[in-house]
Amino acid sequence: MPQIDIYTSPLCGFCHAAKRLLNSKGVDFNEIDVLQQPDRKAEMMDRAAGRHTVPQIFIGDTHVGGCDDLYDLERAGKLDPMLQA
């Protein structure tokens, strides 16, 4: 299973929704709270090609994007194969 990183903030509803979907899949993920660790926001923006909103989700080396992108993958049936790669 690839490493999953999700950059979040505690008051973000989209972050909670993305984590809910990942939890429902039974996968472990590395949550990086950019409010608790503000120095990690620059890291997130570098990895996400300048995107500055949370969540930003990475599965392995692939930048998935945000919550809507994660749910789009789920609806298209493409999320499970990515999680098992």
PDB file of N, CA and C in Angstrom:
ATOM      1  N   MET A   1       0.844  -1.172   0.000  1.00  0.00           N
ATOM      2  CA  MET A   1       0.000   0.000   0.000  1.00  0.00           C
ATOM      3  C   MET A   1       0.896   1.244   0.000  1.00  0.00           C
ATOM      4  N   PRO A   2       0.604   2.204  -0.868  1.00  0.00           N
ATOM      5  CA  PRO A   2       1.420   3.418  -0.913  1.00  0.00           C
ATOM      6  C   PRO A   2       1.183   4.301   0.313  1.00  0.00           C
ATOM      7  N   GLN A   3       2.161   5.141   0.600  1.00  0.00           N
ATOM      8  CA  GLN A   3       1.991   6.110   1.689  1.00  0.00           C
ATOM      9  C   GLN A   3       0.981   7.166   1.250  1.00  0.00           C
ATOM     10  N   ILE A   4       0.096   7.526   2.164  1.00  0.00           N
ATOM     11  CA  ILE A   4      -0.906   8.551   1.889  1.00  0.00           C
ATOM     12  C   ILE A   4      -0.642   9.723   2.826  1.00  0.00           C
ATOM     13  N   ASP A   5      -0.467  10.909   2.244  1.00  0.00           N
ATOM     14  CA  ASP A   5      -0.291  12.136   3.014  1.00  0.00           C
ATOM     15  C   ASP A   5      -1.475  13.043   2.736  1.00  0.00           C
ATOM     16  N   ILE A   6      -2.019  13.615   3.802  1.00  0.00           N
ATOM     17  CA  ILE A   6      -3.103  14.575   3.641  1.00  0.00           C
ATOM     18  C   ILE A   6      -2.798  15.791   4.518  1.00  0.00           C
ATOM     19  N   TYR A   7      -2.696  16.932   3.854  1.00  0.00           N
ATOM     20  CA  TYR A   7      -2.456  18.196   4.539  1.00  0.00           C
ATOM     21  C   TYR A   7      -3.819  18.776   4.898  1.00  0.00           C
ATOM     22  N   THR A   8      -3.992  19.128   6.170  1.00  0.00           N
ATOM     23  CA  THR A   8      -5.301  19.542   6.667  1.00  0.00           C
ATOM     24  C   THR A   8      -5.193  20.747   7.590  1.00  0.00           C
ATOM     25  N   SER A   9      -6.363  21.233   7.986  1.00  0.00           N
ATOM     26  CA  SER A   9      -6.485  22.142   9.127  1.00  0.00           C
ATOM     27  C   SER A   9      -7.725  21.699   9.897  1.00  0.00           C
ATOM     28  N   PRO A  10      -7.756  21.948  11.215  1.00  0.00           N
ATOM     29  CA  PRO A  10      -8.814  21.367  12.049  1.00  0.00           C
ATOM     30  C   PRO A  10     -10.225  21.893  11.777  1.00  0.00           C
ATOM     31  N   LEU A  11     -10.373  23.077  11.240  1.00  0.00           N
ATOM     32  CA  LEU A  11     -11.708  23.648  11.036  1.00  0.00           C
ATOM     33  C   LEU A  11     -12.246  23.454   9.625  1.00  0.00           C
ATOM     34  N   CYS A  12     -11.542  22.674   8.834  1.00  0.00           N
ATOM     35  CA  CYS A  12     -11.878  22.492   7.419  1.00  0.00           C
ATOM     36  C   CYS A  12     -12.848  21.316   7.236  1.00  0.00           C
ATOM     37  N   GLY A  13     -14.060  21.612   6.823  1.00  0.00           N
ATOM     38  CA  GLY A  13     -15.053  20.561   6.576  1.00  0.00           C
ATOM     39  C   GLY A  13     -14.651  19.624   5.455  1.00  0.00           C
ATOM     40  N   PHE A  14     -14.011  20.158   4.417  1.00  0.00           N
ATOM     41  CA  PHE A  14     -13.551  19.312   3.311  1.00  0.00           C
ATOM     42  C   PHE A  14     -12.466  18.343   3.782  1.00  0.00           C
ATOM     43  N   CYS A  15     -11.626  18.801   4.716  1.00  0.00           N
ATOM     44  CA  CYS A  15     -10.590  17.922   5.282  1.00  0.00           C
ATOM     45  C   CYS A  15     -11.231  16.755   6.018  1.00  0.00           C
ATOM     46  N   HIS A  16     -12.256  17.065   6.819  1.00  0.00           N
ATOM     47  CA  HIS A  16     -12.953  16.016   7.568  1.00  0.00           C
ATOM     48  C   HIS A  16     -13.625  15.025   6.620  1.00  0.00           C
ATOM     49  N   ALA A  17     -14.215  15.532   5.532  1.00  0.00           N
ATOM     50  CA  ALA A  17     -14.874  14.650   4.567  1.00  0.00           C
ATOM     51  C   ALA A  17     -13.866  13.736   3.871  1.00  0.00           C
ATOM     52  N   ALA A  18     -12.717  14.286   3.508  1.00  0.00           N
ATOM     53  CA  ALA A  18     -11.680  13.475   2.848  1.00  0.00           C
ATOM     54  C   ALA A  18     -11.165  12.398   3.800  1.00  0.00           C
ATOM     55  N   LYS A  19     -10.937  12.761   5.053  1.00  0.00           N
ATOM     56  CA  LYS A  19     -10.462  11.780   6.037  1.00  0.00           C
ATOM     57  C   LYS A  19     -11.519  10.718   6.289  1.00  0.00           C
ATOM     58  N   ARG A  20     -12.792  11.096   6.283  1.00  0.00           N
ATOM     59  CA  ARG A  20     -13.871  10.128   6.460  1.00  0.00           C
ATOM     60  C   ARG A  20     -13.837   9.075   5.348  1.00  0.00           C
ATOM     61  N   LEU A  21     -13.659   9.539   4.109  1.00  0.00           N
ATOM     62  CA  LEU A  21     -13.611   8.595   2.989  1.00  0.00           C
ATOM     63  C   LEU A  21     -12.402   7.663   3.125  1.00  0.00           C
ATOM     64  N   LEU A  22     -11.255   8.214   3.451  1.00  0.00           N
ATOM     65  CA  LEU A  22     -10.065   7.372   3.611  1.00  0.00           C
ATOM     66  C   LEU A  22     -10.243   6.392   4.765  1.00  0.00           C
ATOM     67  N   ASN A  23     -10.827   6.852   5.864  1.00  0.00           N
ATOM     68  CA  ASN A  23     -11.089   5.955   6.995  1.00  0.00           C
ATOM     69  C   ASN A  23     -12.046   4.834   6.602  1.00  0.00           C
ATOM     70  N   SER A  24     -13.047   5.173   5.782  1.00  0.00           N
ATOM     71  CA  SER A  24     -14.018   4.151   5.360  1.00  0.00           C
ATOM     72  C   SER A  24     -13.351   3.074   4.507  1.00  0.00           C
ATOM     73  N   LYS A  25     -12.232   3.424   3.882  1.00  0.00           N
ATOM     74  CA  LYS A  25     -11.475   2.464   3.073  1.00  0.00           C
ATOM     75  C   LYS A  25     -10.538   1.620   3.937  1.00  0.00           C
ATOM     76  N   GLY A  26     -10.406   1.998   5.215  1.00  0.00           N
ATOM     77  CA  GLY A  26      -9.550   1.243   6.121  1.00  0.00           C
ATOM     78  C   GLY A  26      -8.068   1.436   5.873  1.00  0.00           C
ATOM     79  N   VAL A  27      -7.704   2.577   5.291  1.00  0.00           N
ATOM     80  CA  VAL A  27      -6.292   2.827   5.008  1.00  0.00           C
ATOM     81  C   VAL A  27      -5.706   3.780   6.053  1.00  0.00           C
ATOM     82  N   ASP A  28      -4.427   3.600   6.305  1.00  0.00           N
ATOM     83  CA  ASP A  28      -3.712   4.516   7.183  1.00  0.00           C
ATOM     84  C   ASP A  28      -3.223   5.691   6.355  1.00  0.00           C
ATOM     85  N   PHE A  29      -3.230   6.853   6.980  1.00  0.00           N
ATOM     86  CA  PHE A  29      -2.703   8.028   6.289  1.00  0.00           C
ATOM     87  C   PHE A  29      -1.969   8.905   7.278  1.00  0.00           C
ATOM     88  N   ASN A  30      -1.069   9.684   6.729  1.00  0.00           N
ATOM     89  CA  ASN A  30      -0.260  10.609   7.486  1.00  0.00           C
ATOM     90  C   ASN A  30      -0.924  11.983   7.387  1.00  0.00           C
ATOM     91  N   GLU A  31      -1.484  12.460   8.485  1.00  0.00           N
ATOM     92  CA  GLU A  31      -2.150  13.766   8.489  1.00  0.00           C
ATOM     93  C   GLU A  31      -1.162  14.836   8.934  1.00  0.00           C
ATOM     94  N   ILE A  32      -1.062  15.883   8.136  1.00  0.00           N
ATOM     95  CA  ILE A  32      -0.185  16.996   8.435  1.00  0.00           C
ATOM     96  C   ILE A  32      -1.061  18.233   8.627  1.00  0.00           C
ATOM     97  N   ASP A  33      -1.185  18.684   9.862  1.00  0.00           N
ATOM     98  CA  ASP A  33      -1.997  19.846  10.208  1.00  0.00           C
ATOM     99  C   ASP A  33      -1.161  21.098   9.979  1.00  0.00           C
ATOM    100  N   VAL A  34      -1.515  21.877   8.955  1.00  0.00           N
ATOM    101  CA  VAL A  34      -0.709  23.048   8.599  1.00  0.00           C
ATOM    102  C   VAL A  34      -0.912  24.217   9.554  1.00  0.00           C
ATOM    103  N   LEU A  35      -1.926  24.151  10.414  1.00  0.00           N
ATOM    104  CA  LEU A  35      -2.059  25.179  11.454  1.00  0.00           C
ATOM    105  C   LEU A  35      -1.139  24.871  12.623  1.00  0.00           C
ATOM    106  N   GLN A  36      -1.039  23.606  12.987  1.00  0.00           N
ATOM    107  CA  GLN A  36      -0.147  23.189  14.067  1.00  0.00           C
ATOM    108  C   GLN A  36       1.316  23.241  13.635  1.00  0.00           C
ATOM    109  N   GLN A  37       1.544  22.993  12.354  1.00  0.00           N
ATOM    110  CA  GLN A  37       2.903  22.961  11.804  1.00  0.00           C
ATOM    111  C   GLN A  37       2.977  23.898  10.598  1.00  0.00           C
ATOM    112  N   PRO A  38       2.959  25.216  10.830  1.00  0.00           N
ATOM    113  CA  PRO A  38       2.885  26.165   9.715  1.00  0.00           C
ATOM    114  C   PRO A  38       4.044  26.059   8.721  1.00  0.00           C
ATOM    115  N   ASP A  39       5.198  25.587   9.158  1.00  0.00           N
ATOM    116  CA  ASP A  39       6.323  25.417   8.243  1.00  0.00           C
ATOM    117  C   ASP A  39       6.036  24.350   7.182  1.00  0.00           C
ATOM    118  N   ARG A  40       5.091  23.473   7.447  1.00  0.00           N
ATOM    119  CA  ARG A  40       4.752  22.407   6.493  1.00  0.00           C
ATOM    120  C   ARG A  40       3.856  22.918   5.353  1.00  0.00           C
ATOM    121  N   LYS A  41       3.263  24.126   5.511  1.00  0.00           N
ATOM    122  CA  LYS A  41       2.412  24.657   4.447  1.00  0.00           C
ATOM    123  C   LYS A  41       3.235  24.927   3.185  1.00  0.00           C
ATOM    124  N   ALA A  42       4.451  25.459   3.343  1.00  0.00           N
ATOM    125  CA  ALA A  42       5.312  25.689   2.182  1.00  0.00           C
ATOM    126  C   ALA A  42       5.649  24.369   1.497  1.00  0.00           C
ATOM    127  N   GLU A  43       5.891  23.332   2.303  1.00  0.00           N
ATOM    128  CA  GLU A  43       6.151  21.995   1.755  1.00  0.00           C
ATOM    129  C   GLU A  43       4.953  21.527   0.946  1.00  0.00           C
ATOM    130  N   MET A  44       3.747  21.718   1.496  1.00  0.00           N
ATOM    131  CA  MET A  44       2.520  21.320   0.805  1.00  0.00           C
ATOM    132  C   MET A  44       2.410  22.046  -0.526  1.00  0.00           C
ATOM    133  N   MET A  45       2.644  23.361  -0.509  1.00  0.00           N
ATOM    134  CA  MET A  45       2.511  24.150  -1.731  1.00  0.00           C
ATOM    135  C   MET A  45       3.531  23.721  -2.787  1.00  0.00           C
ATOM    136  N   ASP A  46       4.742  23.378  -2.358  1.00  0.00           N
ATOM    137  CA  ASP A  46       5.742  22.873  -3.299  1.00  0.00           C
ATOM    138  C   ASP A  46       5.284  21.562  -3.926  1.00  0.00           C
ATOM    139  N   ARG A  47       4.787  20.669  -3.101  1.00  0.00           N
ATOM    140  CA  ARG A  47       4.345  19.360  -3.600  1.00  0.00           C
ATOM    141  C   ARG A  47       3.103  19.474  -4.468  1.00  0.00           C
ATOM    142  N   ALA A  48       2.253  20.474  -4.167  1.00  0.00           N
ATOM    143  CA  ALA A  48       0.960  20.600  -4.850  1.00  0.00           C
ATOM    144  C   ALA A  48       0.982  21.657  -5.954  1.00  0.00           C
ATOM    145  N   ALA A  49       2.156  21.956  -6.475  1.00  0.00           N
ATOM    146  CA  ALA A  49       2.299  22.904  -7.595  1.00  0.00           C
ATOM    147  C   ALA A  49       1.647  24.255  -7.292  1.00  0.00           C
ATOM    148  N   GLY A  50       1.865  24.732  -6.075  1.00  0.00           N
ATOM    149  CA  GLY A  50       1.388  26.057  -5.705  1.00  0.00           C
ATOM    150  C   GLY A  50       0.009  26.117  -5.079  1.00  0.00           C
ATOM    151  N   ARG A  51      -0.723  25.031  -5.076  1.00  0.00           N
ATOM    152  CA  ARG A  51      -2.049  25.056  -4.444  1.00  0.00           C
ATOM    153  C   ARG A  51      -1.877  25.321  -2.955  1.00  0.00           C
ATOM    154  N   HIS A  52      -2.721  26.208  -2.433  1.00  0.00           N
ATOM    155  CA  HIS A  52      -2.557  26.623  -1.039  1.00  0.00           C
ATOM    156  C   HIS A  52      -3.737  26.274  -0.141  1.00  0.00           C
ATOM    157  N   THR A  53      -4.771  25.686  -0.706  1.00  0.00           N
ATOM    158  CA  THR A  53      -5.934  25.325   0.099  1.00  0.00           C
ATOM    159  C   THR A  53      -5.799  23.902   0.618  1.00  0.00           C
ATOM    160  N   VAL A  54      -6.471  23.628   1.721  1.00  0.00           N
ATOM    161  CA  VAL A  54      -6.495  22.281   2.273  1.00  0.00           C
ATOM    162  C   VAL A  54      -7.882  21.690   2.058  1.00  0.00           C
ATOM    163  N   PRO A  55      -7.977  20.381   1.966  1.00  0.00           N
ATOM    164  CA  PRO A  55      -6.888  19.416   2.013  1.00  0.00           C
ATOM    165  C   PRO A  55      -6.141  19.335   0.688  1.00  0.00           C
ATOM    166  N   GLN A  56      -4.898  18.891   0.782  1.00  0.00           N
ATOM    167  CA  GLN A  56      -4.122  18.458  -0.382  1.00  0.00           C
ATOM    168  C   GLN A  56      -3.727  17.022  -0.072  1.00  0.00           C
ATOM    169  N   ILE A  57      -4.049  16.148  -0.995  1.00  0.00           N
ATOM    170  CA  ILE A  57      -3.926  14.711  -0.762  1.00  0.00           C
ATOM    171  C   ILE A  57      -2.939  14.105  -1.755  1.00  0.00           C
ATOM    172  N   PHE A  58      -2.060  13.267  -1.228  1.00  0.00           N
ATOM    173  CA  PHE A  58      -1.059  12.576  -2.032  1.00  0.00           C
ATOM    174  C   PHE A  58      -1.151  11.085  -1.741  1.00  0.00           C
ATOM    175  N   ILE A  59      -1.216  10.298  -2.792  1.00  0.00           N
ATOM    176  CA  ILE A  59      -1.172   8.842  -2.662  1.00  0.00           C
ATOM    177  C   ILE A  59       0.101   8.403  -3.368  1.00  0.00           C
ATOM    178  N   GLY A  60       1.058   7.947  -2.572  1.00  0.00           N
ATOM    179  CA  GLY A  60       2.382   7.672  -3.125  1.00  0.00           C
ATOM    180  C   GLY A  60       2.959   8.971  -3.668  1.00  0.00           C
ATOM    181  N   ASP A  61       3.436   8.946  -4.888  1.00  0.00           N
ATOM    182  CA  ASP A  61       3.993  10.144  -5.524  1.00  0.00           C
ATOM    183  C   ASP A  61       2.947  10.932  -6.303  1.00  0.00           C
ATOM    184  N   THR A  62       1.706  10.469  -6.280  1.00  0.00           N
ATOM    185  CA  THR A  62       0.653  11.108  -7.066  1.00  0.00           C
ATOM    186  C   THR A  62      -0.085  12.159  -6.245  1.00  0.00           C
ATOM    187  N   HIS A  63      -0.139  13.371  -6.775  1.00  0.00           N
ATOM    188  CA  HIS A  63      -0.933  14.425  -6.146  1.00  0.00           C
ATOM    189  C   HIS A  63      -2.375  14.247  -6.612  1.00  0.00           C
ATOM    190  N   VAL A  64      -3.228  13.840  -5.693  1.00  0.00           N
ATOM    191  CA  VAL A  64      -4.639  13.615  -6.011  1.00  0.00           C
ATOM    192  C   VAL A  64      -5.358  14.952  -6.152  1.00  0.00           C
ATOM    193  N   GLY A  65      -5.034  15.892  -5.273  1.00  0.00           N
ATOM    194  CA  GLY A  65      -5.707  17.181  -5.253  1.00  0.00           C
ATOM    195  C   GLY A  65      -6.436  17.341  -3.939  1.00  0.00           C
ATOM    196  N   GLY A  66      -7.629  17.914  -4.008  1.00  0.00           N
ATOM    197  CA  GLY A  66      -8.412  18.164  -2.816  1.00  0.00           C
ATOM    198  C   GLY A  66      -9.505  17.131  -2.602  1.00  0.00           C
ATOM    199  N   CYS A  67     -10.432  17.483  -1.744  1.00  0.00           N
ATOM    200  CA  CYS A  67     -11.520  16.572  -1.370  1.00  0.00           C
ATOM    201  C   CYS A  67     -12.377  16.190  -2.577  1.00  0.00           C
ATOM    202  N   ASP A  68     -12.767  17.183  -3.374  1.00  0.00           N
ATOM    203  CA  ASP A  68     -13.601  16.888  -4.540  1.00  0.00           C
ATOM    204  C   ASP A  68     -12.893  15.933  -5.490  1.00  0.00           C
ATOM    205  N   ASP A  69     -11.595  16.130  -5.654  1.00  0.00           N
ATOM    206  CA  ASP A  69     -10.820  15.249  -6.537  1.00  0.00           C
ATOM    207  C   ASP A  69     -10.801  13.822  -6.000  1.00  0.00           C
ATOM    208  N   LEU A  70     -10.656  13.688  -4.672  1.00  0.00           N
ATOM    209  CA  LEU A  70     -10.659  12.365  -4.049  1.00  0.00           C
ATOM    210  C   LEU A  70     -12.000  11.662  -4.275  1.00  0.00           C
ATOM    211  N   TYR A  71     -13.093  12.383  -4.074  1.00  0.00           N
ATOM    212  CA  TYR A  71     -14.421  11.802  -4.275  1.00  0.00           C
ATOM    213  C   TYR A  71     -14.685  11.502  -5.749  1.00  0.00           C
ATOM    214  N   ASP A  72     -14.134  12.324  -6.661  1.00  0.00           N
ATOM    215  CA  ASP A  72     -14.259  12.034  -8.094  1.00  0.00           C
ATOM    216  C   ASP A  72     -13.591  10.705  -8.437  1.00  0.00           C
ATOM    217  N   LEU A  73     -12.408  10.470  -7.852  1.00  0.00           N
ATOM    218  CA  LEU A  73     -11.728   9.185  -8.069  1.00  0.00           C
ATOM    219  C   LEU A  73     -12.577   8.030  -7.545  1.00  0.00           C
ATOM    220  N   GLU A  74     -13.179   8.229  -6.384  1.00  0.00           N
ATOM    221  CA  GLU A  74     -14.028   7.183  -5.799  1.00  0.00           C
ATOM    222  C   GLU A  74     -15.220   6.880  -6.715  1.00  0.00           C
ATOM    223  N   ARG A  75     -15.896   7.921  -7.192  1.00  0.00           N
ATOM    224  CA  ARG A  75     -17.062   7.725  -8.071  1.00  0.00           C
ATOM    225  C   ARG A  75     -16.675   7.049  -9.383  1.00  0.00           C
ATOM    226  N   ALA A  76     -15.467   7.327  -9.867  1.00  0.00           N
ATOM    227  CA  ALA A  76     -15.011   6.744 -11.131  1.00  0.00           C
ATOM    228  C   ALA A  76     -14.443   5.337 -10.952  1.00  0.00           C
ATOM    229  N   GLY A  77     -14.394   4.858  -9.699  1.00  0.00           N
ATOM    230  CA  GLY A  77     -13.857   3.525  -9.447  1.00  0.00           C
ATOM    231  C   GLY A  77     -12.332   3.460  -9.531  1.00  0.00           C
ATOM    232  N   LYS A  78     -11.671   4.608  -9.450  1.00  0.00           N
ATOM    233  CA  LYS A  78     -10.214   4.640  -9.598  1.00  0.00           C
ATOM    234  C   LYS A  78      -9.472   4.745  -8.267  1.00  0.00           C
ATOM    235  N   LEU A  79     -10.185   5.016  -7.177  1.00  0.00           N
ATOM    236  CA  LEU A  79      -9.510   5.209  -5.896  1.00  0.00           C
ATOM    237  C   LEU A  79      -8.969   3.892  -5.331  1.00  0.00           C
ATOM    238  N   ASP A  80      -9.783   2.858  -5.311  1.00  0.00           N
ATOM    239  CA  ASP A  80      -9.346   1.578  -4.734  1.00  0.00           C
ATOM    240  C   ASP A  80      -8.071   1.046  -5.390  1.00  0.00           C
ATOM    241  N   PRO A  81      -7.975   1.057  -6.732  1.00  0.00           N
ATOM    242  CA  PRO A  81      -6.718   0.588  -7.340  1.00  0.00           C
ATOM    243  C   PRO A  81      -5.504   1.434  -6.922  1.00  0.00           C
ATOM    244  N   MET A  82      -5.697   2.736  -6.755  1.00  0.00           N
ATOM    245  CA  MET A  82      -4.593   3.592  -6.329  1.00  0.00           C
ATOM    246  C   MET A  82      -4.156   3.250  -4.916  1.00  0.00           C
ATOM    247  N   LEU A  83      -5.126   2.929  -4.058  1.00  0.00           N
ATOM    248  CA  LEU A  83      -4.812   2.618  -2.671  1.00  0.00           C
ATOM    249  C   LEU A  83      -4.119   1.277  -2.525  1.00  0.00           C
ATOM    250  N   GLN A  84      -4.301   0.386  -3.502  1.00  0.00           N
ATOM    251  CA  GLN A  84      -3.723  -0.946  -3.423  1.00  0.00           C
ATOM    252  C   GLN A  84      -2.432  -1.085  -4.220  1.00  0.00           C
ATOM    253  N   ALA A  85      -2.050  -0.041  -4.932  1.00  0.00           N
ATOM    254  CA  ALA A  85      -0.857  -0.112  -5.792  1.00  0.00           C
ATOM    255  C   ALA A  85       0.413  -0.326  -4.996  1.00  0.00           C
TER     256      ALA A  85
END
